[in-house]
């Protein structure tokens, strides 16, 4: 213990642990920020295109007609955007600040189970027709009943 090398090593260890903890904290904050930036982009998308919102969320807006092939393709593109966002959130769950993932998970489940105009499950149908693209645990999570409405 009288050896200066011991004290230098101990100080270096304490500094390394502190730096590691700060980096973990920083990664959590950056991840959370990125997730919210993406969510705000999705919110803006629906704000600019309110007719699509009713297919993914409870909405009082007027819905488009999905039987039109052009609109059906657009709805599938929106479903892909939502599915990609949900997949990203799912894969970041270990670095999202503690206590926040469960809220995201319930929101994702609610949107997945949302029945839009014409009794259509746009997101659910999109994901299930491409289920080989997604991890089974992610799909199992989405398939559970939500605790809230989108």
Foldseek 3Di string as FASTA:
>chain_A
DPDVVVVVVVVVVVVVVVVVVVVLVVQQVVLQVVLVVLVVVLVVVCVVVVQLVQLQAPDPDHHDDCVPVVVVVVLLVNLVSLVVSLQSLVVCVVSHPPPPSVVVLLSLLQRQPRQGPPRDRSNVVSCVVVVVVHDPVSVVSSPDHHPDHD
